[in-house]
Protein backbone atom coordinates (compact mmCIF):
# COMPACT_ATOMS: atom_id res chain seq x y z
CA UNK A 1 55.89 117.93 -90.60
CA UNK A 2 57.26 115.71 -87.83
CA UNK A 3 55.53 112.43 -87.17
CA UNK A 4 53.43 112.32 -84.00
CA UNK A 5 53.81 108.55 -83.72
CA UNK A 6 55.49 107.62 -80.47
CA UNK A 7 58.16 104.91 -80.56
CA UNK A 8 57.04 101.58 -79.14
CA UNK A 9 58.65 101.04 -75.76
CA UNK A 10 60.53 97.77 -75.56
CA UNK A 11 59.26 95.37 -72.92
CA UNK A 12 61.69 94.69 -70.04
CA UNK A 13 62.03 90.97 -70.85
CA UNK A 14 61.61 91.09 -74.62
CA UNK A 15 64.99 89.37 -75.06
CA UNK A 16 63.57 86.18 -73.53
CA UNK A 17 61.72 83.46 -75.44
CA UNK A 18 58.26 82.74 -74.07
CA UNK A 19 57.78 79.00 -73.57
CA UNK A 20 54.34 79.59 -72.04
CA UNK A 21 52.47 82.58 -70.62
CA UNK A 22 54.41 82.25 -67.34
CA UNK A 23 57.71 80.63 -68.39
CA UNK A 24 60.46 82.35 -70.38
CA UNK A 25 63.95 81.33 -71.47
CA UNK A 26 67.07 83.37 -72.22
CA UNK A 27 69.78 81.80 -74.35
CA UNK A 28 73.02 83.81 -74.61
CA UNK A 29 74.80 84.23 -77.91
CA UNK A 30 77.60 81.78 -78.67
CA UNK A 31 80.33 84.43 -78.52
CA UNK A 32 79.93 85.52 -74.89
CA UNK A 33 83.02 85.74 -72.70
CA UNK A 34 84.05 82.68 -70.71
CA UNK A 35 84.68 82.72 -66.96
CA UNK A 36 88.00 84.10 -65.79
CA UNK A 37 90.74 81.58 -65.12
CA UNK A 38 90.54 80.34 -61.54
CA UNK A 39 87.00 81.63 -61.02
CA UNK A 40 84.20 79.17 -60.18
CA UNK A 41 82.60 77.75 -63.32
CA UNK A 42 79.40 79.66 -64.11
CA UNK A 43 76.02 77.94 -63.87
CA UNK A 44 74.92 76.16 -67.01
CA UNK A 45 71.37 77.14 -66.12
CA UNK A 46 69.85 79.67 -63.72
CA UNK A 47 66.21 79.26 -62.68
CA UNK A 48 64.51 82.38 -61.32
CA UNK A 49 61.17 81.71 -59.61
CA UNK A 50 59.53 85.08 -59.05
CA UNK A 51 57.30 86.28 -56.26
CA UNK A 52 53.55 86.41 -56.84
CA UNK A 53 52.30 89.08 -59.26
CA UNK A 54 55.79 90.49 -59.77
CA UNK A 55 56.04 93.00 -62.61
CA UNK A 56 58.40 92.22 -65.47
CA UNK A 57 60.12 95.55 -64.81
CA UNK A 58 61.04 94.27 -61.34
CA UNK A 59 61.93 90.74 -62.44
CA UNK A 60 64.21 92.12 -65.14
CA UNK A 61 66.53 93.58 -62.49
CA UNK A 62 67.38 90.03 -61.37
CA UNK A 63 67.59 88.62 -64.89
CA UNK A 64 69.85 91.43 -66.09
CA UNK A 65 72.13 91.12 -63.07
CA UNK A 66 72.54 87.41 -63.73
CA UNK A 67 73.32 88.17 -67.38
CA UNK A 68 76.05 90.48 -66.11
CA UNK A 69 77.46 88.03 -63.54
CA UNK A 70 77.26 84.89 -65.68
CA UNK A 71 77.04 85.93 -69.35
CA UNK A 72 77.32 82.36 -70.66
CA UNK A 73 74.46 80.99 -68.52
CA UNK A 74 71.01 80.20 -69.80
CA UNK A 75 68.21 81.66 -67.66
CA UNK A 76 64.79 80.12 -67.08
CA UNK A 77 62.11 82.32 -65.54
CA UNK A 78 58.90 81.02 -64.00
CA UNK A 79 56.42 83.63 -62.83
CA UNK A 80 53.79 83.33 -60.13
CA UNK A 81 50.30 84.82 -60.12
CA UNK A 82 47.53 84.83 -57.53
CA UNK A 83 45.45 82.58 -59.79
CA UNK A 84 48.22 79.99 -59.98
CA UNK A 85 49.21 80.26 -56.31
CA UNK A 86 45.73 79.31 -55.11
CA UNK A 87 45.20 76.51 -57.64
CA UNK A 88 47.69 73.64 -57.03
CA UNK A 89 46.74 71.66 -60.19
CA UNK A 90 47.33 74.80 -62.27
CA UNK A 91 50.61 75.36 -60.43
CA UNK A 92 51.80 71.89 -61.44
CA UNK A 93 50.88 72.62 -65.05
CA UNK A 94 52.69 75.96 -64.95
CA UNK A 95 56.11 74.44 -64.19
CA UNK A 96 55.92 71.69 -66.83
CA UNK A 97 57.76 73.71 -69.55
CA UNK A 98 60.84 73.89 -67.29
CA UNK A 99 61.39 70.13 -67.27
CA UNK A 100 62.48 69.52 -70.91
CA UNK A 101 64.83 72.50 -70.75
CA UNK A 102 66.52 71.15 -67.63
CA UNK A 103 66.80 67.65 -69.07
CA UNK A 104 68.26 68.97 -72.33
CA UNK A 105 70.98 70.91 -70.50
CA UNK A 106 71.68 68.15 -67.97
CA UNK A 107 71.48 64.73 -69.69
CA UNK A 108 70.70 61.91 -67.28
CA UNK A 109 73.88 60.03 -68.22
CA UNK A 110 76.16 63.01 -67.56
CA UNK A 111 78.23 63.05 -64.38
CA UNK A 112 79.67 66.08 -62.61
CA UNK A 113 81.52 66.74 -59.39
CA UNK A 114 80.22 70.32 -59.13
CA UNK A 115 76.79 71.96 -59.45
CA UNK A 116 75.65 73.33 -62.79
CA UNK A 117 72.24 74.63 -61.77
CA UNK A 118 71.50 77.75 -59.72
CA UNK A 119 67.96 78.18 -58.37
CA UNK A 120 66.88 81.61 -57.13
CA UNK A 121 63.41 81.61 -55.59
CA UNK A 122 61.65 84.65 -54.20
CA UNK A 123 58.85 84.68 -51.64
CA UNK A 124 56.11 82.09 -51.39
CA UNK A 125 55.35 82.38 -55.08
CA UNK A 126 58.86 81.22 -55.92
CA UNK A 127 58.76 78.59 -53.18
CA UNK A 128 55.54 77.13 -54.61
CA UNK A 129 56.97 77.01 -58.14
CA UNK A 130 60.15 75.19 -57.14
CA UNK A 131 58.23 72.83 -54.86
CA UNK A 132 56.04 71.88 -57.82
CA UNK A 133 59.11 71.57 -60.03
CA UNK A 134 60.49 68.86 -57.74
CA UNK A 135 57.39 66.77 -58.46
CA UNK A 136 57.24 67.53 -62.18
CA UNK A 137 60.90 66.64 -62.67
CA UNK A 138 60.58 63.43 -60.65
CA UNK A 139 57.49 62.41 -62.63
CA UNK A 140 59.44 62.78 -65.89
CA UNK A 141 62.22 60.41 -64.77
CA UNK A 142 62.42 57.11 -66.62
CA UNK A 143 63.19 53.80 -64.92
CA UNK A 144 66.60 53.96 -63.30
CA UNK A 145 66.92 57.75 -63.60
CA UNK A 146 67.53 59.98 -60.58
CA UNK A 147 64.21 61.69 -59.74
CA UNK A 148 65.98 64.65 -58.12
CA UNK A 149 67.02 67.83 -59.86
CA UNK A 150 70.64 67.98 -61.10
CA UNK A 151 73.22 69.12 -58.57
CA UNK A 152 72.31 72.66 -57.67
CA UNK A 153 72.67 75.63 -55.36
CA UNK A 154 69.55 77.40 -54.04
CA UNK A 155 69.01 81.02 -53.02
CA UNK A 156 65.95 81.57 -50.79
CA UNK A 157 64.92 85.24 -50.85
CA UNK A 158 62.14 86.12 -48.38
CA UNK A 159 61.10 82.48 -48.19
CA UNK A 160 59.73 80.11 -47.22
CA UNK A 161 56.85 81.35 -45.12
CA UNK A 162 53.83 79.89 -43.36
CA UNK A 163 50.28 81.07 -42.81
CA UNK A 164 50.06 84.01 -40.43
CA UNK A 165 47.16 86.40 -40.16
CA UNK A 166 49.26 89.58 -40.33
CA UNK A 167 51.31 88.28 -43.25
CA UNK A 168 48.20 87.27 -45.18
CA UNK A 169 46.62 90.68 -44.68
CA UNK A 170 49.86 92.34 -45.82
CA UNK A 171 49.89 90.15 -48.96
CA UNK A 172 46.41 91.22 -50.03
CA UNK A 173 47.12 94.86 -49.18
CA UNK A 174 49.95 95.06 -51.71
CA UNK A 175 49.09 97.54 -54.45
CA UNK A 176 45.92 98.86 -52.82
CA UNK A 177 45.54 102.67 -52.73
CA UNK A 178 45.41 104.19 -49.25
CA UNK A 179 41.63 104.64 -49.11
CA UNK A 180 40.89 101.17 -50.49
CA UNK A 181 43.39 99.70 -48.06
CA UNK A 182 41.67 101.38 -45.11
CA UNK A 183 38.28 100.06 -46.24
CA UNK A 184 39.51 96.56 -47.03
CA UNK A 185 41.71 95.94 -43.98
CA UNK A 186 38.95 94.97 -41.48
CA UNK A 187 37.49 92.51 -44.00
CA UNK A 188 40.95 91.11 -44.75
CA UNK A 189 41.57 90.50 -41.06
CA UNK A 190 38.19 88.81 -40.67
CA UNK A 191 38.80 86.55 -43.66
CA UNK A 192 42.35 85.76 -42.51
CA UNK A 193 41.18 84.86 -39.00
CA UNK A 194 38.56 82.53 -40.48
CA UNK A 195 41.24 81.02 -42.74
CA UNK A 196 43.56 80.52 -39.75
CA UNK A 197 40.79 78.80 -37.79
CA UNK A 198 40.00 76.54 -40.74
CA UNK A 199 43.66 75.54 -41.03
CA UNK A 200 43.89 74.83 -37.30
CA UNK A 201 40.99 72.33 -37.46
CA UNK A 202 42.15 70.75 -40.70
CA UNK A 203 39.55 72.18 -43.09
CA UNK A 204 42.18 73.98 -45.16
CA UNK A 205 45.79 73.11 -45.87
CA UNK A 206 48.61 75.49 -44.99
CA UNK A 207 50.11 75.44 -48.47
CA UNK A 208 52.83 77.94 -47.57
CA UNK A 209 54.18 75.65 -44.86
CA UNK A 210 53.72 72.58 -47.08
CA UNK A 211 55.80 74.08 -49.89
CA UNK A 212 58.44 74.94 -47.31
CA UNK A 213 58.69 71.36 -46.07
CA UNK A 214 59.31 70.04 -49.58
CA UNK A 215 62.59 71.96 -49.78
CA UNK A 216 63.92 69.97 -46.82
CA UNK A 217 62.45 66.54 -47.53
CA UNK A 218 63.09 63.67 -49.91
CA UNK A 219 65.67 60.89 -49.80
CA UNK A 220 68.73 61.92 -51.78
CA UNK A 221 67.91 65.63 -51.87
CA UNK A 222 70.83 66.55 -49.64
CA UNK A 223 73.19 65.18 -52.30
CA UNK A 224 71.46 66.90 -55.23
CA UNK A 225 71.42 70.30 -53.50
CA UNK A 226 75.02 71.21 -52.74
CA UNK A 227 74.35 74.31 -50.60
CA UNK A 228 71.82 77.07 -50.02
CA UNK A 229 71.51 80.61 -48.69
CA UNK A 230 68.61 82.32 -46.93
CA UNK A 231 68.29 86.07 -47.48
CA UNK A 232 65.71 87.62 -45.15
CA UNK A 233 65.02 90.34 -42.58
CA UNK A 234 63.07 90.89 -39.37
CA UNK A 235 61.18 93.79 -40.97
CA UNK A 236 59.51 91.66 -43.64
CA UNK A 237 55.75 92.11 -43.22
CA UNK A 238 54.82 89.05 -45.31
CA UNK A 239 57.29 86.33 -44.29
CA UNK A 240 58.29 86.20 -40.62
CA UNK A 241 62.01 85.92 -39.92
CA UNK A 242 61.43 83.23 -37.29
CA UNK A 243 59.82 81.01 -39.93
CA UNK A 244 62.83 81.40 -42.21
CA UNK A 245 65.28 80.74 -39.38
CA UNK A 246 63.38 77.65 -38.25
CA UNK A 247 63.41 76.33 -41.81
CA UNK A 248 67.17 76.92 -42.04
CA UNK A 249 67.77 75.12 -38.75
CA UNK A 250 65.65 72.17 -39.86
CA UNK A 251 67.62 72.02 -43.12
CA UNK A 252 70.91 71.90 -41.21
CA UNK A 253 69.66 69.06 -39.02
CA UNK A 254 68.80 67.12 -42.18
CA UNK A 255 72.27 67.57 -43.65
CA UNK A 256 71.93 70.59 -45.91
CA UNK A 257 74.76 73.12 -46.10
CA UNK A 258 73.15 76.38 -45.00
CA UNK A 259 74.12 80.05 -45.08
CA UNK A 260 72.01 82.71 -43.34
CA UNK A 261 72.07 86.35 -44.42
CA UNK A 262 69.84 88.57 -42.29
CA UNK A 263 69.44 92.08 -43.65
CA UNK A 264 68.56 95.06 -41.45
CA UNK A 265 65.52 97.17 -42.26
CA UNK A 266 64.67 95.71 -45.66
CA UNK A 267 61.12 94.86 -46.65
CA UNK A 268 59.74 91.85 -48.49
CA UNK A 269 61.77 90.89 -51.60
CA UNK A 270 63.55 94.25 -51.31
CA UNK A 271 66.85 93.09 -49.85
CA UNK A 272 68.69 93.62 -53.15
CA UNK A 273 67.37 97.17 -53.27
CA UNK A 274 68.43 97.79 -49.66
CA UNK A 275 72.03 96.65 -50.16
CA UNK A 276 72.69 95.58 -53.74
CA UNK A 277 76.42 94.96 -53.29
CA UNK A 278 75.95 92.69 -50.29
CA UNK A 279 73.02 90.86 -51.86
CA UNK A 280 74.85 89.86 -55.02
CA UNK A 281 78.02 89.06 -53.11
CA UNK A 282 75.96 86.54 -51.14
CA UNK A 283 74.71 85.03 -54.39
CA UNK A 284 78.20 84.81 -55.91
CA UNK A 285 79.79 83.39 -52.77
CA UNK A 286 77.03 80.84 -52.26
CA UNK A 287 77.39 79.69 -55.85
CA UNK A 288 81.17 79.51 -55.56
CA UNK A 289 81.14 77.84 -52.15
CA UNK A 290 83.09 80.68 -50.56
């Protein structure tokens, strides 16, 4: 008689080591292929900062693509949740496990003329994680050590944003069934309008905008970040394209090397799904400085 026991389905990110509930690390085997001769050196470390409440099945598409592109690279993943996003002290605690990994791969006494770190942040969840990482890494620096992250390249996907009523409503509508969405929408608009008013008079802080400013500020940051790319669209319901473009322009004025990639018709954090070939070509070319 055949067994009725169903095989256990492997989790999408089971190949990663969990450093904490929200941080995971992938270490490739020692016998992976090296980069082709003449090709840009692969990243020593890739940090993926996911969007808020992203499913592992969705995150794995980015992790697996990076494994394919750069098989010798280690990959650090930091997830974002609604609980963490709205609790800054908890957010700072969440990114702490990243710091010793970065310092182990990039010793403070090592010198390099090219970047070894690739940061890929998605949406405001990813923006908040990397913003907090700047502080956590700086706080771990000993006397005389550079408080900035090692030389790196940054990919901004659907980020950074700022507080907007329509975008906030769209954020809380994600995942709601049609009937629940119809019932909840008027209340979401009312709450968002109150939130907007509170921000305008200084009762609440616009954390989305604050996290965005940290990517462009800090003495010495323009030398630690070698270049960056913004991947966005004007059909993103959560992060307005004008906010992204203004952030990119501000970065250029402050000395950052900026690349803009505006996709047509793609929704929030869905640009890779809209045009996968173009998306990953942008990533590869930004990393390689092409």
